[in-house]
Amino acid sequence: MPFCTNCGEQAGDDQRFCRHCGTPQPVTGPVSGGIPGDGLNPRAASILCYVPWLGWIVAVYVLATERFRGERTVRFHAYQGLYLFVAWMLSHWVIGLWFRLIFGDHGFPLGSLIEAALLVVWILMLVKTSAGERFSLPVIGDLAEKSL
């Protein structure tokens, strides 16, 4: 059992302050409240970059932090996941909007088909990355490789 660093009274392991004199005690256990994402390992970060519609948040985190600066594979997956999200946004907002404006709501749903195909690609990338593979998509993978 530890003792107070000021008065020498016996203190408990989990006490942050001495019961006798009120002096703050040194922390002996694990410190909570670190930087968010510090416990994120490279493989998990790579996988999370491909979560549909939300992976862009992890991708931006990976690219912005110093922690993954030297991890080329993780950064590749972050760029590729980010570009995949941009492709989805383009199909949703540009192609889908054009076809709705030209053909109305009853026209050919090209934007929806592209979005469904991108969802399948997202799922494929989740599976490939969780298996530890570095799979490069045709156009997006080349852009991600150049961005490294």
N, C-alpha and C. Protein backbone atom coordinates (compact mmCIF):
# COMPACT_ATOMS: atom_id res chain seq x y z
N MET A 1 0.84 -1.17 0.00
CA MET A 1 0.00 0.00 0.00
C MET A 1 0.90 1.25 0.00
N PRO A 2 0.66 2.24 -0.87
CA PRO A 2 1.51 3.42 -0.95
C PRO A 2 1.26 4.40 0.20
N PHE A 3 2.18 5.33 0.29
CA PHE A 3 2.10 6.36 1.33
C PHE A 3 2.06 7.73 0.67
N CYS A 4 1.49 8.71 1.38
CA CYS A 4 1.38 10.08 0.88
C CYS A 4 2.77 10.66 0.66
N THR A 5 2.92 11.37 -0.44
CA THR A 5 4.23 11.97 -0.75
C THR A 5 4.51 13.20 0.09
N ASN A 6 3.50 13.73 0.81
CA ASN A 6 3.70 14.94 1.61
C ASN A 6 3.80 14.63 3.10
N CYS A 7 2.78 13.93 3.64
CA CYS A 7 2.74 13.71 5.09
C CYS A 7 3.14 12.31 5.50
N GLY A 8 3.22 11.36 4.59
CA GLY A 8 3.65 10.01 4.91
C GLY A 8 2.54 9.09 5.39
N GLU A 9 1.31 9.56 5.47
CA GLU A 9 0.18 8.72 5.87
C GLU A 9 -0.06 7.65 4.81
N GLN A 10 -0.63 6.53 5.26
CA GLN A 10 -0.94 5.45 4.34
C GLN A 10 -2.11 5.86 3.44
N ALA A 11 -1.95 5.59 2.11
CA ALA A 11 -2.99 5.94 1.14
C ALA A 11 -3.34 4.70 0.33
N GLY A 12 -4.55 4.68 -0.21
CA GLY A 12 -4.97 3.55 -1.05
C GLY A 12 -4.38 3.66 -2.45
N ASP A 13 -4.39 2.52 -3.16
CA ASP A 13 -3.84 2.49 -4.52
C ASP A 13 -4.64 3.37 -5.49
N ASP A 14 -5.94 3.49 -5.24
CA ASP A 14 -6.79 4.21 -6.18
C ASP A 14 -7.07 5.65 -5.76
N GLN A 15 -6.44 6.12 -4.69
CA GLN A 15 -6.68 7.48 -4.22
C GLN A 15 -5.83 8.48 -4.99
N ARG A 16 -6.49 9.53 -5.43
CA ARG A 16 -5.78 10.58 -6.16
C ARG A 16 -5.29 11.68 -5.21
N PHE A 17 -5.91 11.76 -4.01
CA PHE A 17 -5.54 12.75 -3.01
C PHE A 17 -5.40 12.06 -1.65
N CYS A 18 -4.50 12.58 -0.84
CA CYS A 18 -4.29 12.05 0.50
C CYS A 18 -5.52 12.39 1.36
N ARG A 19 -5.99 11.40 2.14
CA ARG A 19 -7.15 11.64 3.02
C ARG A 19 -6.79 12.54 4.20
N HIS A 20 -5.53 12.53 4.56
CA HIS A 20 -5.11 13.29 5.74
C HIS A 20 -4.82 14.75 5.41
N CYS A 21 -3.97 15.00 4.40
CA CYS A 21 -3.56 16.38 4.12
C CYS A 21 -4.10 16.93 2.79
N GLY A 22 -4.65 16.08 1.92
CA GLY A 22 -5.25 16.56 0.67
C GLY A 22 -4.28 16.76 -0.47
N THR A 23 -3.03 16.35 -0.31
CA THR A 23 -2.03 16.52 -1.35
C THR A 23 -2.31 15.57 -2.52
N PRO A 24 -2.23 16.07 -3.77
CA PRO A 24 -2.42 15.18 -4.92
C PRO A 24 -1.34 14.10 -4.94
N GLN A 25 -1.75 12.89 -5.24
CA GLN A 25 -0.83 11.76 -5.28
C GLN A 25 -0.46 11.44 -6.73
N PRO A 26 0.74 10.91 -6.97
CA PRO A 26 1.13 10.55 -8.33
C PRO A 26 0.26 9.41 -8.86
N VAL A 27 -0.02 9.46 -10.13
CA VAL A 27 -0.84 8.43 -10.76
C VAL A 27 0.03 7.21 -11.00
N THR A 28 -0.44 6.05 -10.54
CA THR A 28 0.35 4.83 -10.70
C THR A 28 -0.21 3.90 -11.76
N GLY A 29 -1.49 4.02 -12.09
CA GLY A 29 -2.13 3.13 -13.06
C GLY A 29 -2.12 3.74 -14.45
N PRO A 30 -2.82 3.09 -15.36
CA PRO A 30 -2.91 3.63 -16.71
C PRO A 30 -3.68 4.95 -16.72
N VAL A 31 -3.20 5.87 -17.49
CA VAL A 31 -3.81 7.19 -17.59
C VAL A 31 -4.86 7.18 -18.68
N SER A 32 -6.05 7.62 -18.35
CA SER A 32 -7.09 7.71 -19.37
C SER A 32 -7.14 9.14 -19.90
N GLY A 33 -7.83 9.32 -21.00
CA GLY A 33 -7.96 10.65 -21.56
C GLY A 33 -6.83 11.02 -22.50
N GLY A 34 -6.19 10.05 -23.12
CA GLY A 34 -5.14 10.34 -24.09
C GLY A 34 -5.75 10.86 -25.38
N ILE A 35 -4.97 10.89 -26.39
CA ILE A 35 -5.42 11.35 -27.70
C ILE A 35 -6.34 10.29 -28.30
N PRO A 36 -7.52 10.69 -28.80
CA PRO A 36 -8.42 9.69 -29.40
C PRO A 36 -7.74 8.98 -30.57
N GLY A 37 -7.90 7.67 -30.62
CA GLY A 37 -7.32 6.89 -31.70
C GLY A 37 -5.93 6.38 -31.43
N ASP A 38 -5.36 6.67 -30.25
CA ASP A 38 -4.02 6.18 -29.94
C ASP A 38 -3.97 4.67 -29.88
N GLY A 39 -5.07 4.03 -29.48
CA GLY A 39 -5.10 2.59 -29.39
C GLY A 39 -5.42 1.90 -30.71
N LEU A 40 -5.56 2.67 -31.77
CA LEU A 40 -5.92 2.14 -33.08
C LEU A 40 -4.68 1.56 -33.75
N ASN A 41 -4.70 0.26 -34.02
CA ASN A 41 -3.55 -0.34 -34.68
C ASN A 41 -3.64 -0.13 -36.20
N PRO A 42 -2.55 -0.28 -36.94
CA PRO A 42 -2.55 0.00 -38.38
C PRO A 42 -3.55 -0.84 -39.17
N ARG A 43 -3.71 -2.10 -38.82
CA ARG A 43 -4.64 -2.95 -39.58
C ARG A 43 -6.09 -2.49 -39.38
N ALA A 44 -6.45 -2.17 -38.14
CA ALA A 44 -7.81 -1.69 -37.86
C ALA A 44 -8.06 -0.36 -38.55
N ALA A 45 -7.05 0.51 -38.56
CA ALA A 45 -7.20 1.80 -39.24
C ALA A 45 -7.42 1.60 -40.74
N SER A 46 -6.69 0.65 -41.32
CA SER A 46 -6.86 0.36 -42.75
C SER A 46 -8.26 -0.16 -43.04
N ILE A 47 -8.77 -1.04 -42.20
CA ILE A 47 -10.10 -1.59 -42.40
C ILE A 47 -11.16 -0.51 -42.24
N LEU A 48 -11.03 0.33 -41.22
CA LEU A 48 -12.04 1.35 -40.96
C LEU A 48 -12.12 2.42 -42.05
N CYS A 49 -11.08 2.55 -42.85
CA CYS A 49 -11.11 3.52 -43.96
C CYS A 49 -12.12 3.15 -45.02
N TYR A 50 -12.59 1.89 -45.03
CA TYR A 50 -13.53 1.42 -46.05
C TYR A 50 -14.95 1.22 -45.52
N VAL A 51 -15.25 1.71 -44.34
CA VAL A 51 -16.61 1.60 -43.85
C VAL A 51 -17.49 2.52 -44.71
N PRO A 52 -18.53 1.97 -45.33
CA PRO A 52 -19.34 2.79 -46.25
C PRO A 52 -19.90 4.04 -45.59
N TRP A 53 -19.75 5.14 -46.26
CA TRP A 53 -20.25 6.47 -45.91
C TRP A 53 -19.62 7.08 -44.67
N LEU A 54 -18.87 6.35 -43.88
CA LEU A 54 -18.24 6.89 -42.68
C LEU A 54 -16.72 6.73 -42.66
N GLY A 55 -16.19 5.92 -43.56
CA GLY A 55 -14.76 5.65 -43.57
C GLY A 55 -13.92 6.87 -43.89
N TRP A 56 -14.51 7.87 -44.54
CA TRP A 56 -13.76 9.07 -44.87
C TRP A 56 -13.28 9.79 -43.61
N ILE A 57 -14.01 9.65 -42.51
CA ILE A 57 -13.62 10.30 -41.25
C ILE A 57 -12.32 9.67 -40.75
N VAL A 58 -12.25 8.36 -40.75
CA VAL A 58 -11.03 7.66 -40.32
C VAL A 58 -9.90 7.95 -41.30
N ALA A 59 -10.21 8.00 -42.60
CA ALA A 59 -9.18 8.29 -43.60
C ALA A 59 -8.57 9.66 -43.38
N VAL A 60 -9.38 10.64 -43.10
CA VAL A 60 -8.86 11.99 -42.82
C VAL A 60 -8.03 11.98 -41.54
N TYR A 61 -8.48 11.23 -40.52
CA TYR A 61 -7.72 11.12 -39.28
C TYR A 61 -6.34 10.50 -39.54
N VAL A 62 -6.33 9.41 -40.32
CA VAL A 62 -5.07 8.72 -40.61
C VAL A 62 -4.12 9.64 -41.36
N LEU A 63 -4.64 10.38 -42.31
CA LEU A 63 -3.78 11.26 -43.12
C LEU A 63 -3.34 12.50 -42.35
N ALA A 64 -4.11 12.91 -41.33
CA ALA A 64 -3.78 14.13 -40.60
C ALA A 64 -2.86 13.91 -39.41
N THR A 65 -2.86 12.71 -38.85
CA THR A 65 -2.07 12.49 -37.64
C THR A 65 -0.63 12.10 -37.96
N GLU A 66 0.21 12.38 -37.01
CA GLU A 66 1.62 12.04 -37.13
C GLU A 66 1.86 10.55 -36.90
N ARG A 67 0.92 9.91 -36.21
CA ARG A 67 1.08 8.51 -35.83
C ARG A 67 1.23 7.58 -37.03
N PHE A 68 0.50 7.82 -38.09
CA PHE A 68 0.53 6.95 -39.27
C PHE A 68 1.37 7.55 -40.41
N ARG A 69 2.20 8.52 -40.10
CA ARG A 69 2.99 9.19 -41.13
C ARG A 69 3.92 8.23 -41.87
N GLY A 70 4.49 7.27 -41.18
CA GLY A 70 5.42 6.34 -41.81
C GLY A 70 4.80 5.04 -42.28
N GLU A 71 3.51 4.87 -42.08
CA GLU A 71 2.81 3.64 -42.46
C GLU A 71 2.25 3.78 -43.88
N ARG A 72 3.01 3.37 -44.88
CA ARG A 72 2.60 3.54 -46.28
C ARG A 72 1.34 2.75 -46.62
N THR A 73 1.21 1.55 -46.08
CA THR A 73 0.04 0.74 -46.39
C THR A 73 -1.22 1.36 -45.81
N VAL A 74 -1.16 1.83 -44.59
CA VAL A 74 -2.33 2.46 -43.97
C VAL A 74 -2.70 3.73 -44.72
N ARG A 75 -1.70 4.52 -45.08
CA ARG A 75 -1.98 5.75 -45.82
C ARG A 75 -2.54 5.45 -47.21
N PHE A 76 -2.07 4.37 -47.84
CA PHE A 76 -2.62 3.96 -49.13
C PHE A 76 -4.10 3.65 -48.99
N HIS A 77 -4.46 2.87 -47.97
CA HIS A 77 -5.87 2.53 -47.75
C HIS A 77 -6.68 3.77 -47.40
N ALA A 78 -6.08 4.71 -46.68
CA ALA A 78 -6.80 5.94 -46.34
C ALA A 78 -7.09 6.75 -47.61
N TYR A 79 -6.09 6.91 -48.47
CA TYR A 79 -6.32 7.64 -49.73
C TYR A 79 -7.34 6.91 -50.61
N GLN A 80 -7.21 5.61 -50.72
CA GLN A 80 -8.11 4.85 -51.58
C GLN A 80 -9.55 4.90 -51.03
N GLY A 81 -9.70 4.79 -49.72
CA GLY A 81 -11.02 4.90 -49.11
C GLY A 81 -11.62 6.29 -49.29
N LEU A 82 -10.78 7.30 -49.19
CA LEU A 82 -11.23 8.68 -49.39
C LEU A 82 -11.65 8.91 -50.83
N TYR A 83 -10.88 8.42 -51.79
CA TYR A 83 -11.23 8.58 -53.20
C TYR A 83 -12.48 7.76 -53.55
N LEU A 84 -12.67 6.65 -52.90
CA LEU A 84 -13.88 5.84 -53.12
C LEU A 84 -15.11 6.61 -52.62
N PHE A 85 -14.96 7.29 -51.50
CA PHE A 85 -16.06 8.12 -51.00
C PHE A 85 -16.34 9.29 -51.94
N VAL A 86 -15.31 9.89 -52.49
CA VAL A 86 -15.49 10.99 -53.45
C VAL A 86 -16.20 10.48 -54.70
N ALA A 87 -15.87 9.28 -55.15
CA ALA A 87 -16.55 8.68 -56.30
C ALA A 87 -18.03 8.47 -55.99
N TRP A 88 -18.34 8.03 -54.77
CA TRP A 88 -19.74 7.88 -54.39
C TRP A 88 -20.45 9.23 -54.38
N MET A 89 -19.79 10.25 -53.83
CA MET A 89 -20.40 11.59 -53.81
C MET A 89 -20.66 12.10 -55.22
N LEU A 90 -19.72 11.89 -56.14
CA LEU A 90 -19.92 12.33 -57.51
C LEU A 90 -21.09 11.60 -58.16
N SER A 91 -21.18 10.31 -57.93
CA SER A 91 -22.30 9.56 -58.53
C SER A 91 -23.63 9.98 -57.91
N HIS A 92 -23.63 10.26 -56.63
CA HIS A 92 -24.87 10.62 -55.95
C HIS A 92 -25.31 12.03 -56.31
N TRP A 93 -24.40 12.98 -56.23
CA TRP A 93 -24.77 14.38 -56.40
C TRP A 93 -24.73 14.85 -57.84
N VAL A 94 -23.84 14.33 -58.66
CA VAL A 94 -23.71 14.82 -60.03
C VAL A 94 -24.48 13.94 -61.01
N ILE A 95 -24.11 12.68 -61.10
CA ILE A 95 -24.75 11.80 -62.08
C ILE A 95 -26.22 11.58 -61.74
N GLY A 96 -26.50 11.31 -60.48
CA GLY A 96 -27.88 11.10 -60.06
C GLY A 96 -28.74 12.33 -60.28
N LEU A 97 -28.19 13.50 -59.98
CA LEU A 97 -28.94 14.75 -60.18
C LEU A 97 -29.21 15.02 -61.64
N TRP A 98 -28.21 14.80 -62.49
CA TRP A 98 -28.40 15.02 -63.93
C TRP A 98 -29.50 14.12 -64.49
N PHE A 99 -29.45 12.85 -64.13
CA PHE A 99 -30.46 11.92 -64.65
C PHE A 99 -31.85 12.22 -64.09
N ARG A 100 -31.94 12.71 -62.86
CA ARG A 100 -33.25 13.11 -62.33
C ARG A 100 -33.75 14.36 -63.02
N LEU A 101 -32.85 15.28 -63.35
CA LEU A 101 -33.27 16.50 -64.04
C LEU A 101 -33.68 16.21 -65.49
N ILE A 102 -32.96 15.35 -66.16
CA ILE A 102 -33.24 15.06 -67.57
C ILE A 102 -34.45 14.14 -67.72
N PHE A 103 -34.49 13.05 -66.97
CA PHE A 103 -35.53 12.04 -67.16
C PHE A 103 -36.61 12.06 -66.10
N GLY A 104 -36.48 12.86 -65.07
CA GLY A 104 -37.45 12.86 -63.99
C GLY A 104 -37.22 11.68 -63.06
N ASP A 105 -38.16 11.45 -62.17
CA ASP A 105 -38.02 10.36 -61.20
C ASP A 105 -38.26 8.99 -61.82
N HIS A 106 -38.82 8.95 -63.03
CA HIS A 106 -39.16 7.67 -63.65
C HIS A 106 -38.16 7.25 -64.71
N GLY A 107 -37.05 7.97 -64.81
CA GLY A 107 -36.06 7.64 -65.83
C GLY A 107 -35.13 6.52 -65.40
N PHE A 108 -34.09 6.30 -66.18
CA PHE A 108 -33.12 5.24 -65.92
C PHE A 108 -32.27 5.61 -64.70
N PRO A 109 -32.20 4.76 -63.69
CA PRO A 109 -31.49 5.09 -62.45
C PRO A 109 -29.99 4.80 -62.52
N LEU A 110 -29.28 5.44 -63.42
CA LEU A 110 -27.84 5.18 -63.55
C LEU A 110 -27.09 5.54 -62.27
N GLY A 111 -27.46 6.67 -61.67
CA GLY A 111 -26.79 7.07 -60.42
C GLY A 111 -26.96 6.03 -59.33
N SER A 112 -28.15 5.46 -59.22
CA SER A 112 -28.41 4.43 -58.20
C SER A 112 -27.63 3.16 -58.49
N LEU A 113 -27.49 2.81 -59.75
CA LEU A 113 -26.71 1.61 -60.11
C LEU A 113 -25.23 1.81 -59.79
N ILE A 114 -24.72 2.99 -60.07
CA ILE A 114 -23.31 3.28 -59.75
C ILE A 114 -23.10 3.25 -58.24
N GLU A 115 -24.05 3.83 -57.49
CA GLU A 115 -23.94 3.82 -56.03
C GLU A 115 -23.96 2.39 -55.49
N ALA A 116 -24.81 1.55 -56.04
CA ALA A 116 -24.86 0.15 -55.60
C ALA A 116 -23.55 -0.57 -55.92
N ALA A 117 -22.98 -0.28 -57.10
CA ALA A 117 -21.69 -0.88 -57.47
C ALA A 117 -20.59 -0.41 -56.52
N LEU A 118 -20.61 0.87 -56.15
CA LEU A 118 -19.61 1.38 -55.22
C LEU A 118 -19.78 0.77 -53.83
N LEU A 119 -21.02 0.49 -53.42
CA LEU A 119 -21.25 -0.19 -52.15
C LEU A 119 -20.64 -1.59 -52.17
N VAL A 120 -20.78 -2.28 -53.29
CA VAL A 120 -20.18 -3.61 -53.44
C VAL A 120 -18.65 -3.50 -53.37
N VAL A 121 -18.08 -2.47 -53.98
CA VAL A 121 -16.63 -2.26 -53.94
C VAL A 121 -16.18 -1.98 -52.51
N TRP A 122 -16.95 -1.16 -51.78
CA TRP A 122 -16.63 -0.89 -50.37
C TRP A 122 -16.58 -2.19 -49.58
N ILE A 123 -17.58 -3.04 -49.77
CA ILE A 123 -17.63 -4.31 -49.04
C ILE A 123 -16.46 -5.21 -49.44
N LEU A 124 -16.16 -5.24 -50.74
CA LEU A 124 -15.01 -6.02 -51.22
C LEU A 124 -13.72 -5.53 -50.56
N MET A 125 -13.56 -4.23 -50.48
CA MET A 125 -12.35 -3.68 -49.87
C MET A 125 -12.30 -3.97 -48.37
N LEU A 126 -13.44 -3.98 -47.70
CA LEU A 126 -13.47 -4.37 -46.29
C LEU A 126 -12.97 -5.80 -46.11
N VAL A 127 -13.43 -6.68 -46.98
CA VAL A 127 -13.04 -8.09 -46.89
C VAL A 127 -11.55 -8.26 -47.22
N LYS A 128 -11.10 -7.63 -48.30
CA LYS A 128 -9.69 -7.76 -48.71
C LYS A 128 -8.76 -7.19 -47.65
N THR A 129 -9.09 -6.02 -47.12
CA THR A 129 -8.23 -5.38 -46.13
C THR A 129 -8.22 -6.15 -44.82
N SER A 130 -9.37 -6.69 -44.43
CA SER A 130 -9.40 -7.47 -43.18
C SER A 130 -8.60 -8.77 -43.33
N ALA A 131 -8.44 -9.25 -44.56
CA ALA A 131 -7.61 -10.43 -44.81
C ALA A 131 -6.12 -10.08 -44.90
N GLY A 132 -5.79 -8.80 -44.81
CA GLY A 132 -4.40 -8.37 -44.84
C GLY A 132 -3.86 -8.10 -46.24
N GLU A 133 -4.72 -8.06 -47.24
CA GLU A 133 -4.27 -7.81 -48.61
C GLU A 133 -4.25 -6.30 -48.91
N ARG A 134 -3.33 -5.92 -49.74
CA ARG A 134 -3.28 -4.54 -50.22
C ARG A 134 -3.76 -4.57 -51.67
N PHE A 135 -5.06 -4.47 -51.83
CA PHE A 135 -5.70 -4.57 -53.14
C PHE A 135 -5.86 -3.17 -53.71
N SER A 136 -5.39 -2.98 -54.93
CA SER A 136 -5.45 -1.67 -55.57
C SER A 136 -6.58 -1.66 -56.60
N LEU A 137 -7.52 -0.74 -56.43
CA LEU A 137 -8.63 -0.58 -57.38
C LEU A 137 -8.11 0.04 -58.67
N PRO A 138 -8.76 -0.20 -59.82
CA PRO A 138 -8.23 0.25 -61.11
C PRO A 138 -7.84 1.73 -61.20
N VAL A 139 -8.71 2.66 -61.10
CA VAL A 139 -8.34 4.07 -61.26
C VAL A 139 -8.04 4.69 -59.90
N ILE A 140 -8.87 4.37 -58.93
CA ILE A 140 -8.72 4.95 -57.59
C ILE A 140 -7.41 4.51 -56.94
N GLY A 141 -7.02 3.28 -57.14
CA GLY A 141 -5.77 2.78 -56.57
C GLY A 141 -4.55 3.48 -57.14
N ASP A 142 -4.59 3.79 -58.45
CA ASP A 142 -3.48 4.54 -59.05
C ASP A 142 -3.39 5.94 -58.46
N LEU A 143 -4.54 6.59 -58.24
CA LEU A 143 -4.53 7.91 -57.62
C LEU A 143 -4.01 7.84 -56.19
N ALA A 144 -4.40 6.81 -55.46
CA ALA A 144 -3.94 6.64 -54.09
C ALA A 144 -2.42 6.40 -54.06
N GLU A 145 -1.92 5.62 -54.99
CA GLU A 145 -0.48 5.36 -55.06
C GLU A 145 0.29 6.63 -55.36
N LYS A 146 -0.23 7.46 -56.25
CA LYS A 146 0.43 8.72 -56.56
C LYS A 146 0.36 9.70 -55.41
N SER A 147 -0.69 9.61 -54.59
CA SER A 147 -0.84 10.52 -53.46
C SER A 147 0.12 10.22 -52.33
N LEU A 148 0.64 8.99 -52.29
CA LEU A 148 1.59 8.64 -51.24
C LEU A 148 2.85 9.45 -51.42
